[in-house]
Amino acid sequence: MAVTVSLVALFGLVLYFLLRSGSLTPGAAFAAAGFGFFLASTGAAQPINEMAAAVIAAIPAL
């Protein structure tokens, strides 16, 4: 739960700054989609949460 809330905050901040700068790139689209999925908790949110948890778990191994 804490990871999901943190990711929502992270995606929200990234989206805010990308929109404020006026750039609409694939990165901005990814941030918006990620923010939407985590925020809305749709049926696709569970696989995205699992993928994010796997990436977060893999970071210390780098």
C-alpha atoms as a PDB file:
ATOM      1  CA  MET A   1       0.000   0.000   0.000  1.00  0.00           C
ATOM      2  CA  ALA A   2       2.786   2.443   0.890  1.00  0.00           C
ATOM      3  CA  VAL A   3       4.529   1.765  -2.409  1.00  0.00           C
ATOM      4  CA  THR A   4       1.339   2.458  -4.371  1.00  0.00           C
ATOM      5  CA  VAL A   5       0.725   5.755  -2.582  1.00  0.00           C
ATOM      6  CA  SER A   6       4.339   6.770  -3.163  1.00  0.00           C
ATOM      7  CA  LEU A   7       4.096   5.912  -6.849  1.00  0.00           C
ATOM      8  CA  VAL A   8       0.888   7.908  -7.192  1.00  0.00           C
ATOM      9  CA  ALA A   9       2.624  10.900  -5.641  1.00  0.00           C
ATOM     10  CA  LEU A  10       5.687  10.399  -7.842  1.00  0.00           C
ATOM     11  CA  PHE A  11       3.663  10.060 -11.046  1.00  0.00           C
ATOM     12  CA  GLY A  12       1.569  13.062 -10.040  1.00  0.00           C
ATOM     13  CA  LEU A  13       4.622  15.253  -9.530  1.00  0.00           C
ATOM     14  CA  VAL A  14       6.209  14.097 -12.779  1.00  0.00           C
ATOM     15  CA  LEU A  15       2.995  14.742 -14.668  1.00  0.00           C
ATOM     16  CA  TYR A  16       2.616  18.180 -13.091  1.00  0.00           C
ATOM     17  CA  PHE A  17       6.121  19.268 -14.072  1.00  0.00           C
ATOM     18  CA  LEU A  18       5.871  17.804 -17.577  1.00  0.00           C
ATOM     19  CA  LEU A  19       2.588  19.556 -18.209  1.00  0.00           C
ATOM     20  CA  ARG A  20       3.873  22.789 -16.730  1.00  0.00           C
ATOM     21  CA  SER A  21       6.887  22.756 -19.029  1.00  0.00           C
ATOM     22  CA  GLY A  22       4.595  22.399 -22.048  1.00  0.00           C
ATOM     23  CA  SER A  23       6.241  19.277 -23.378  1.00  0.00           C
ATOM     24  CA  LEU A  24       4.125  16.411 -24.545  1.00  0.00           C
ATOM     25  CA  THR A  25       6.430  13.484 -25.156  1.00  0.00           C
ATOM     26  CA  PRO A  26       6.110   9.719 -24.827  1.00  0.00           C
ATOM     27  CA  GLY A  27       7.492  10.136 -21.305  1.00  0.00           C
ATOM     28  CA  ALA A  28       4.646  12.486 -20.417  1.00  0.00           C
ATOM     29  CA  ALA A  29       2.128  10.065 -21.855  1.00  0.00           C
ATOM     30  CA  PHE A  30       3.641   7.220 -19.798  1.00  0.00           C
ATOM     31  CA  ALA A  31       3.541   9.319 -16.626  1.00  0.00           C
ATOM     32  CA  ALA A  32      -0.101  10.251 -17.262  1.00  0.00           C
ATOM     33  CA  ALA A  33      -1.088   6.640 -17.957  1.00  0.00           C
ATOM     34  CA  GLY A  34       0.748   5.368 -14.885  1.00  0.00           C
ATOM     35  CA  PHE A  35      -0.797   8.052 -12.701  1.00  0.00           C
ATOM     36  CA  GLY A  36      -4.256   7.181 -14.013  1.00  0.00           C
ATOM     37  CA  PHE A  37      -3.878   3.460 -13.477  1.00  0.00           C
ATOM     38  CA  PHE A  38      -2.560   3.794  -9.933  1.00  0.00           C
ATOM     39  CA  LEU A  39      -5.098   6.440  -8.997  1.00  0.00           C
ATOM     40  CA  ALA A  40      -8.165   4.770 -10.431  1.00  0.00           C
ATOM     41  CA  SER A  41      -7.265   1.198  -9.408  1.00  0.00           C
ATOM     42  CA  THR A  42      -8.826  -0.299 -12.492  1.00  0.00           C
ATOM     43  CA  GLY A  43      -8.615  -3.972 -13.407  1.00  0.00           C
ATOM     44  CA  ALA A  44      -5.231  -3.285 -14.993  1.00  0.00           C
ATOM     45  CA  ALA A  45      -3.893  -1.827 -11.747  1.00  0.00           C
ATOM     46  CA  GLN A  46      -3.042  -5.210 -10.204  1.00  0.00           C
ATOM     47  CA  PRO A  47      -0.591  -6.264 -12.960  1.00  0.00           C
ATOM     48  CA  ILE A  48       0.891  -2.760 -12.962  1.00  0.00           C
ATOM     49  CA  ASN A  49       1.269  -2.882  -9.175  1.00  0.00           C
ATOM     50  CA  GLU A  50       2.963  -6.284  -9.442  1.00  0.00           C
ATOM     51  CA  MET A  51       5.310  -5.008 -12.155  1.00  0.00           C
ATOM     52  CA  ALA A  52       6.165  -1.913 -10.106  1.00  0.00           C
ATOM     53  CA  ALA A  53       6.797  -4.060  -7.019  1.00  0.00           C
ATOM     54  CA  ALA A  54       9.073  -6.336  -9.074  1.00  0.00           C
ATOM     55  CA  VAL A  55      11.026  -3.358 -10.388  1.00  0.00           C
ATOM     56  CA  ILE A  56      11.325  -1.886  -6.889  1.00  0.00           C
ATOM     57  CA  ALA A  57      12.485  -5.254  -5.537  1.00  0.00           C
ATOM     58  CA  ALA A  58      15.069  -5.523  -8.338  1.00  0.00           C
ATOM     59  CA  ILE A  59      16.602  -2.081  -7.743  1.00  0.00           C
ATOM     60  CA  PRO A  60      18.735  -3.130  -4.746  1.00  0.00           C
ATOM     61  CA  ALA A  61      20.188  -5.986  -6.813  1.00  0.00           C
ATOM     62  CA  LEU A  62      21.653  -3.524  -9.341  1.00  0.00           C
END
